[in-house]
Amino acid sequence: VRDAFEKAGVITIVGDWTKRDEAITQFLT
């Protein structure tokens, strides 16, 4: 998957919701 992403130039972003995060909660909504 990493190789396929690199070949396609995919930008990856992760949202860690382990702790309360208002920006993530609002985006999920």
PDB file of all heavy atoms in Angstrom:
ATOM      1  N   VAL A   1       0.831  -1.193   0.000  1.00  0.00           N
ATOM      2  CA  VAL A   1       0.000   0.000   0.000  1.00  0.00           C
ATOM      3  C   VAL A   1       0.872   1.251   0.000  1.00  0.00           C
ATOM      4  O   VAL A   1       0.611   2.212  -0.732  1.00  0.00           O
ATOM      5  CB  VAL A   1      -0.944   0.007   1.220  1.00  0.00           C
ATOM      6  CG1 VAL A   1      -1.711   1.317   1.315  1.00  0.00           C
ATOM      7  CG2 VAL A   1      -1.919  -1.163   1.141  1.00  0.00           C
ATOM      8  N   ARG A   2       1.931   1.233   0.801  1.00  0.00           N
ATOM      9  CA  ARG A   2       2.840   2.384   0.818  1.00  0.00           C
ATOM     10  C   ARG A   2       3.437   2.621  -0.561  1.00  0.00           C
ATOM     11  O   ARG A   2       3.497   3.759  -1.044  1.00  0.00           O
ATOM     12  CB  ARG A   2       3.959   2.150   1.832  1.00  0.00           C
ATOM     13  CG  ARG A   2       4.979   3.285   1.894  1.00  0.00           C
ATOM     14  CD  ARG A   2       6.254   2.847   2.582  1.00  0.00           C
ATOM     15  NE  ARG A   2       6.875   1.727   1.865  1.00  0.00           N
ATOM     16  CZ  ARG A   2       7.892   1.015   2.346  1.00  0.00           C
ATOM     17  NH1 ARG A   2       8.382   1.280   3.543  1.00  0.00           N
ATOM     18  NH2 ARG A   2       8.408   0.032   1.637  1.00  0.00           N
ATOM     19  N   ASP A   3       3.883   1.548  -1.240  1.00  0.00           N
ATOM     20  CA  ASP A   3       4.483   1.698  -2.569  1.00  0.00           C
ATOM     21  C   ASP A   3       3.473   2.255  -3.564  1.00  0.00           C
ATOM     22  O   ASP A   3       3.805   3.115  -4.391  1.00  0.00           O
ATOM     23  CB  ASP A   3       5.016   0.345  -3.056  1.00  0.00           C
ATOM     24  CG  ASP A   3       6.163  -0.169  -2.182  1.00  0.00           C
ATOM     25  OD1 ASP A   3       6.766   0.657  -1.460  1.00  0.00           O
ATOM     26  OD2 ASP A   3       6.438  -1.384  -2.225  1.00  0.00           O
ATOM     27  N   ALA A   4       2.219   1.770  -3.480  1.00  0.00           N
ATOM     28  CA  ALA A   4       1.180   2.274  -4.389  1.00  0.00           C
ATOM     29  C   ALA A   4       0.894   3.746  -4.129  1.00  0.00           C
ATOM     30  O   ALA A   4       0.708   4.529  -5.070  1.00  0.00           O
ATOM     31  CB  ALA A   4      -0.086   1.439  -4.227  1.00  0.00           C
ATOM     32  N   PHE A   5       0.879   4.128  -2.862  1.00  0.00           N
ATOM     33  CA  PHE A   5       0.644   5.531  -2.513  1.00  0.00           C
ATOM     34  C   PHE A   5       1.782   6.417  -3.006  1.00  0.00           C
ATOM     35  O   PHE A   5       1.552   7.510  -3.535  1.00  0.00           O
ATOM     36  CB  PHE A   5       0.480   5.671  -1.000  1.00  0.00           C
ATOM     37  CG  PHE A   5      -0.905   5.330  -0.491  1.00  0.00           C
ATOM     38  CD1 PHE A   5      -1.804   4.655  -1.294  1.00  0.00           C
ATOM     39  CD2 PHE A   5      -1.305   5.675   0.792  1.00  0.00           C
ATOM     40  CE1 PHE A   5      -3.075   4.335  -0.834  1.00  0.00           C
ATOM     41  CE2 PHE A   5      -2.577   5.372   1.262  1.00  0.00           C
ATOM     42  CZ  PHE A   5      -3.463   4.694   0.446  1.00  0.00           C
ATOM     43  N   GLU A   6       3.020   5.956  -2.819  1.00  0.00           N
ATOM     44  CA  GLU A   6       4.163   6.757  -3.257  1.00  0.00           C
ATOM     45  C   GLU A   6       4.170   6.919  -4.770  1.00  0.00           C
ATOM     46  O   GLU A   6       4.493   7.990  -5.295  1.00  0.00           O
ATOM     47  CB  GLU A   6       5.460   6.103  -2.780  1.00  0.00           C
ATOM     48  CG  GLU A   6       5.677   6.193  -1.267  1.00  0.00           C
ATOM     49  CD  GLU A   6       6.963   5.527  -0.826  1.00  0.00           C
ATOM     50  OE1 GLU A   6       7.580   4.822  -1.670  1.00  0.00           O
ATOM     51  OE2 GLU A   6       7.350   5.690   0.349  1.00  0.00           O
ATOM     52  N   LYS A   7       3.812   5.857  -5.488  1.00  0.00           N
ATOM     53  CA  LYS A   7       3.782   5.912  -6.950  1.00  0.00           C
ATOM     54  C   LYS A   7       2.731   6.898  -7.433  1.00  0.00           C
ATOM     55  O   LYS A   7       2.924   7.597  -8.440  1.00  0.00           O
ATOM     56  CB  LYS A   7       3.501   4.524  -7.509  1.00  0.00           C
ATOM     57  CG  LYS A   7       3.661   4.412  -9.014  1.00  0.00           C
ATOM     58  CD  LYS A   7       3.515   2.974  -9.473  1.00  0.00           C
ATOM     59  CE  LYS A   7       3.716   2.861 -10.978  1.00  0.00           C
ATOM     60  NZ  LYS A   7       3.572   1.455 -11.440  1.00  0.00           N
ATOM     61  N   ALA A   8       1.608   6.969  -6.738  1.00  0.00           N
ATOM     62  CA  ALA A   8       0.523   7.872  -7.136  1.00  0.00           C
ATOM     63  C   ALA A   8       0.663   9.260  -6.524  1.00  0.00           C
ATOM     64  O   ALA A   8      -0.141  10.144  -6.819  1.00  0.00           O
ATOM     65  CB  ALA A   8      -0.823   7.264  -6.733  1.00  0.00           C
ATOM     66  N   GLY A   9       1.664   9.458  -5.650  1.00  0.00           N
ATOM     67  CA  GLY A   9       1.847  10.762  -5.012  1.00  0.00           C
ATOM     68  C   GLY A   9       0.781  11.087  -3.989  1.00  0.00           C
ATOM     69  O   GLY A   9       0.441  12.258  -3.786  1.00  0.00           O
ATOM     70  N   VAL A  10       0.251  10.071  -3.320  1.00  0.00           N
ATOM     71  CA  VAL A  10      -0.830  10.279  -2.361  1.00  0.00           C
ATOM     72  C   VAL A  10      -0.300  10.970  -1.106  1.00  0.00           C
ATOM     73  O   VAL A  10       0.727  10.565  -0.547  1.00  0.00           O
ATOM     74  CB  VAL A  10      -1.485   8.935  -1.981  1.00  0.00           C
ATOM     75  CG1 VAL A  10      -2.578   9.156  -0.925  1.00  0.00           C
ATOM     76  CG2 VAL A  10      -2.074   8.265  -3.212  1.00  0.00           C
ATOM     77  N   ILE A  11      -1.001  11.993  -0.670  1.00  0.00           N
ATOM     78  CA  ILE A  11      -0.698  12.654   0.605  1.00  0.00           C
ATOM     79  C   ILE A  11      -1.531  11.985   1.683  1.00  0.00           C
ATOM     80  O   ILE A  11      -2.743  11.841   1.538  1.00  0.00           O
ATOM     81  CB  ILE A  11      -1.009  14.155   0.540  1.00  0.00           C
ATOM     82  CG1 ILE A  11      -0.147  14.838  -0.529  1.00  0.00           C
ATOM     83  CG2 ILE A  11      -0.788  14.822   1.903  1.00  0.00           C
ATOM     84  CD1 ILE A  11      -0.493  16.300  -0.743  1.00  0.00           C
ATOM     85  N   THR A  12      -0.885  11.546   2.764  1.00  0.00           N
ATOM     86  CA  THR A  12      -1.599  10.852   3.840  1.00  0.00           C
ATOM     87  C   THR A  12      -1.709  11.752   5.068  1.00  0.00           C
ATOM     88  O   THR A  12      -0.757  12.439   5.442  1.00  0.00           O
ATOM     89  CB  THR A  12      -0.895   9.544   4.224  1.00  0.00           C
ATOM     90  OG1 THR A  12       0.474   9.825   4.545  1.00  0.00           O
ATOM     91  CG2 THR A  12      -0.936   8.548   3.091  1.00  0.00           C
ATOM     92  N   ILE A  13      -2.879  11.718   5.681  1.00  0.00           N
ATOM     93  CA  ILE A  13      -3.160  12.508   6.884  1.00  0.00           C
ATOM     94  C   ILE A  13      -3.879  11.608   7.870  1.00  0.00           C
ATOM     95  O   ILE A  13      -4.784  10.852   7.486  1.00  0.00           O
ATOM     96  CB  ILE A  13      -4.039  13.731   6.552  1.00  0.00           C
ATOM     97  CG1 ILE A  13      -3.323  14.657   5.555  1.00  0.00           C
ATOM     98  CG2 ILE A  13      -4.406  14.507   7.811  1.00  0.00           C
ATOM     99  CD1 ILE A  13      -4.180  15.821   5.071  1.00  0.00           C
ATOM    100  N   VAL A  14      -3.493  11.659   9.146  1.00  0.00           N
ATOM    101  CA  VAL A  14      -4.144  10.843  10.168  1.00  0.00           C
ATOM    102  C   VAL A  14      -4.698  11.746  11.271  1.00  0.00           C
ATOM    103  O   VAL A  14      -4.048  12.704  11.689  1.00  0.00           O
ATOM    104  CB  VAL A  14      -3.168   9.800  10.759  1.00  0.00           C
ATOM    105  CG1 VAL A  14      -1.967  10.484  11.422  1.00  0.00           C
ATOM    106  CG2 VAL A  14      -3.881   8.894  11.770  1.00  0.00           C
ATOM    107  N   GLY A  15      -5.909  11.448  11.695  1.00  0.00           N
ATOM    108  CA  GLY A  15      -6.528  12.142  12.824  1.00  0.00           C
ATOM    109  C   GLY A  15      -6.624  11.197  14.005  1.00  0.00           C
ATOM    110  O   GLY A  15      -7.341  10.194  13.930  1.00  0.00           O
ATOM    111  N   ASP A  16      -5.897  11.477  15.071  1.00  0.00           N
ATOM    112  CA  ASP A  16      -5.886  10.617  16.263  1.00  0.00           C
ATOM    113  C   ASP A  16      -6.927  11.128  17.244  1.00  0.00           C
ATOM    114  O   ASP A  16      -6.776  12.192  17.831  1.00  0.00           O
ATOM    115  CB  ASP A  16      -4.495  10.623  16.894  1.00  0.00           C
ATOM    116  CG  ASP A  16      -4.362   9.581  18.002  1.00  0.00           C
ATOM    117  OD1 ASP A  16      -5.398   9.037  18.448  1.00  0.00           O
ATOM    118  OD2 ASP A  16      -3.228   9.299  18.431  1.00  0.00           O
ATOM    119  N   TRP A  17      -7.980  10.342  17.452  1.00  0.00           N
ATOM    120  CA  TRP A  17      -9.114  10.726  18.290  1.00  0.00           C
ATOM    121  C   TRP A  17      -9.062  10.006  19.635  1.00  0.00           C
ATOM    122  O   TRP A  17     -10.085   9.902  20.317  1.00  0.00           O
ATOM    123  CB  TRP A  17     -10.418  10.413  17.556  1.00  0.00           C
ATOM    124  CG  TRP A  17     -11.583  11.256  17.926  1.00  0.00           C
ATOM    125  CD1 TRP A  17     -11.612  12.592  18.145  1.00  0.00           C
ATOM    126  CD2 TRP A  17     -12.936  10.808  18.099  1.00  0.00           C
ATOM    127  NE1 TRP A  17     -12.886  13.007  18.438  1.00  0.00           N
ATOM    128  CE2 TRP A  17     -13.721  11.937  18.418  1.00  0.00           C
ATOM    129  CE3 TRP A  17     -13.559   9.569  18.009  1.00  0.00           C
ATOM    130  CZ2 TRP A  17     -15.089  11.858  18.652  1.00  0.00           C
ATOM    131  CZ3 TRP A  17     -14.916   9.491  18.231  1.00  0.00           C
ATOM    132  CH2 TRP A  17     -15.669  10.621  18.552  1.00  0.00           C
ATOM    133  N   THR A  18      -7.865   9.516  20.018  1.00  0.00           N
ATOM    134  CA  THR A  18      -7.742   8.820  21.299  1.00  0.00           C
ATOM    135  C   THR A  18      -8.193   9.729  22.437  1.00  0.00           C
ATOM    136  O   THR A  18      -8.948   9.323  23.325  1.00  0.00           O
ATOM    137  CB  THR A  18      -6.288   8.377  21.527  1.00  0.00           C
ATOM    138  OG1 THR A  18      -5.899   7.520  20.456  1.00  0.00           O
ATOM    139  CG2 THR A  18      -6.149   7.635  22.849  1.00  0.00           C
ATOM    140  N   LYS A  19      -7.706  10.960  22.414  1.00  0.00           N
ATOM    141  CA  LYS A  19      -8.157  11.972  23.360  1.00  0.00           C
ATOM    142  C   LYS A  19      -9.149  12.888  22.650  1.00  0.00           C
ATOM    143  O   LYS A  19      -9.206  12.952  21.421  1.00  0.00           O
ATOM    144  CB  LYS A  19      -6.970  12.798  23.873  1.00  0.00           C
ATOM    145  CG  LYS A  19      -5.986  12.000  24.717  1.00  0.00           C
ATOM    146  CD  LYS A  19      -4.911  12.915  25.278  1.00  0.00           C
ATOM    147  CE  LYS A  19      -3.955  12.164  26.193  1.00  0.00           C
ATOM    148  NZ  LYS A  19      -2.941  13.050  26.795  1.00  0.00           N
ATOM    149  N   ARG A  20      -9.917  13.582  23.447  1.00  0.00           N
ATOM    150  CA  ARG A  20     -10.905  14.489  22.870  1.00  0.00           C
ATOM    151  C   ARG A  20     -10.222  15.570  22.050  1.00  0.00           C
ATOM    152  O   ARG A  20      -9.271  16.199  22.489  1.00  0.00           O
ATOM    153  CB  ARG A  20     -11.768  15.105  23.962  1.00  0.00           C
ATOM    154  CG  ARG A  20     -12.722  14.118  24.595  1.00  0.00           C
ATOM    155  CD  ARG A  20     -13.531  14.750  25.698  1.00  0.00           C
ATOM    156  NE  ARG A  20     -14.308  15.874  25.215  1.00  0.00           N
ATOM    157  CZ  ARG A  20     -15.098  16.600  25.992  1.00  0.00           C
ATOM    158  NH1 ARG A  20     -15.193  16.338  27.272  1.00  0.00           N
ATOM    159  NH2 ARG A  20     -15.777  17.598  25.495  1.00  0.00           N
ATOM    160  N   ASP A  21     -10.696  15.746  20.835  1.00  0.00           N
ATOM    161  CA  ASP A  21     -10.160  16.746  19.923  1.00  0.00           C
ATOM    162  C   ASP A  21     -11.351  17.404  19.229  1.00  0.00           C
ATOM    163  O   ASP A  21     -12.028  16.775  18.424  1.00  0.00           O
ATOM    164  CB  ASP A  21      -9.220  16.089  18.901  1.00  0.00           C
ATOM    165  CG  ASP A  21      -8.522  17.111  18.019  1.00  0.00           C
ATOM    166  OD1 ASP A  21      -9.224  17.883  17.343  1.00  0.00           O
ATOM    167  OD2 ASP A  21      -7.274  17.128  17.992  1.00  0.00           O
ATOM    168  N   GLU A  22     -11.604  18.660  19.549  1.00  0.00           N
ATOM    169  CA  GLU A  22     -12.810  19.319  19.057  1.00  0.00           C
ATOM    170  C   GLU A  22     -12.792  19.479  17.546  1.00  0.00           C
ATOM    171  O   GLU A  22     -13.836  19.387  16.890  1.00  0.00           O
ATOM    172  CB  GLU A  22     -12.972  20.675  19.748  1.00  0.00           C
ATOM    173  CG  GLU A  22     -13.258  20.545  21.241  1.00  0.00           C
ATOM    174  CD  GLU A  22     -13.513  21.886  21.906  1.00  0.00           C
ATOM    175  OE1 GLU A  22     -13.318  22.918  21.233  1.00  0.00           O
ATOM    176  OE2 GLU A  22     -13.898  21.900  23.077  1.00  0.00           O
ATOM    177  N   ALA A  23     -11.605  19.732  16.971  1.00  0.00           N
ATOM    178  CA  ALA A  23     -11.528  19.894  15.518  1.00  0.00           C
ATOM    179  C   ALA A  23     -11.899  18.593  14.812  1.00  0.00           C
ATOM    180  O   ALA A  23     -12.631  18.596  13.814  1.00  0.00           O
ATOM    181  CB  ALA A  23     -10.125  20.349  15.114  1.00  0.00           C
ATOM    182  N   ILE A  24     -11.407  17.465  15.349  1.00  0.00           N
ATOM    183  CA  ILE A  24     -11.720  16.172  14.743  1.00  0.00           C
ATOM    184  C   ILE A  24     -13.198  15.844  14.934  1.00  0.00           C
ATOM    185  O   ILE A  24     -13.873  15.378  14.003  1.00  0.00           O
ATOM    186  CB  ILE A  24     -10.827  15.070  15.338  1.00  0.00           C
ATOM    187  CG1 ILE A  24      -9.373  15.280  14.893  1.00  0.00           C
ATOM    188  CG2 ILE A  24     -11.308  13.684  14.919  1.00  0.00           C
ATOM    189  CD1 ILE A  24      -8.405  14.265  15.457  1.00  0.00           C
ATOM    190  N   THR A  25     -13.725  16.081  16.136  1.00  0.00           N
ATOM    191  CA  THR A  25     -15.137  15.788  16.387  1.00  0.00           C
ATOM    192  C   THR A  25     -16.032  16.587  15.457  1.00  0.00           C
ATOM    193  O   THR A  25     -16.994  16.052  14.891  1.00  0.00           O
ATOM    194  CB  THR A  25     -15.496  16.112  17.845  1.00  0.00           C
ATOM    195  OG1 THR A  25     -14.605  15.426  18.720  1.00  0.00           O
ATOM    196  CG2 THR A  25     -16.915  15.678  18.163  1.00  0.00           C
ATOM    197  N   GLN A  26     -15.727  17.859  15.282  1.00  0.00           N
ATOM    198  CA  GLN A  26     -16.534  18.694  14.405  1.00  0.00           C
ATOM    199  C   GLN A  26     -16.447  18.208  12.967  1.00  0.00           C
ATOM    200  O   GLN A  26     -17.455  18.168  12.247  1.00  0.00           O
ATOM    201  CB  GLN A  26     -16.076  20.151  14.502  1.00  0.00           C
ATOM    202  CG  GLN A  26     -16.987  21.137  13.788  1.00  0.00           C
ATOM    203  CD  GLN A  26     -16.586  22.578  14.054  1.00  0.00           C
ATOM    204  OE1 GLN A  26     -15.435  22.862  14.338  1.00  0.00           O
ATOM    205  NE2 GLN A  26     -17.522  23.487  13.957  1.00  0.00           N
ATOM    206  N   PHE A  27     -15.258  17.789  12.545  1.00  0.00           N
ATOM    207  CA  PHE A  27     -15.099  17.300  11.175  1.00  0.00           C
ATOM    208  C   PHE A  27     -15.859  15.990  10.979  1.00  0.00           C
ATOM    209  O   PHE A  27     -16.496  15.782   9.938  1.00  0.00           O
ATOM    210  CB  PHE A  27     -13.616  17.095  10.862  1.00  0.00           C
ATOM    211  CG  PHE A  27     -13.347  16.703   9.435  1.00  0.00           C
ATOM    212  CD1 PHE A  27     -13.286  17.660   8.440  1.00  0.00           C
ATOM    213  CD2 PHE A  27     -13.175  15.376   9.088  1.00  0.00           C
ATOM    214  CE1 PHE A  27     -13.054  17.295   7.117  1.00  0.00           C
ATOM    215  CE2 PHE A  27     -12.940  15.002   7.772  1.00  0.00           C
ATOM    216  CZ  PHE A  27     -12.876  15.977   6.781  1.00  0.00           C
ATOM    217  N   LEU A  28     -15.796  15.089  11.967  1.00  0.00           N
ATOM    218  CA  LEU A  28     -16.540  13.836  11.875  1.00  0.00           C
ATOM    219  C   LEU A  28     -18.034  14.109  11.727  1.00  0.00           C
ATOM    220  O   LEU A  28     -18.730  13.470  10.924  1.00  0.00           O
ATOM    221  CB  LEU A  28     -16.285  12.972  13.113  1.00  0.00           C
ATOM    222  CG  LEU A  28     -14.876  12.387  13.282  1.00  0.00           C
ATOM    223  CD1 LEU A  28     -14.765  11.670  14.623  1.00  0.00           C
ATOM    224  CD2 LEU A  28     -14.535  11.440  12.153  1.00  0.00           C
ATOM    225  N   THR A  29     -18.543  15.067  12.500  1.00  0.00           N
ATOM    226  CA  THR A  29     -19.957  15.422  12.407  1.00  0.00           C
ATOM    227  C   THR A  29     -20.292  15.954  11.023  1.00  0.00           C
ATOM    228  O   THR A  29     -21.328  15.621  10.446  1.00  0.00           O
ATOM    229  CB  THR A  29     -20.317  16.470  13.471  1.00  0.00           C
ATOM    230  OG1 THR A  29     -20.000  15.952  14.767  1.00  0.00           O
ATOM    231  CG2 THR A  29     -21.789  16.815  13.424  1.00  0.00           C
TER     232      THR A  29
END
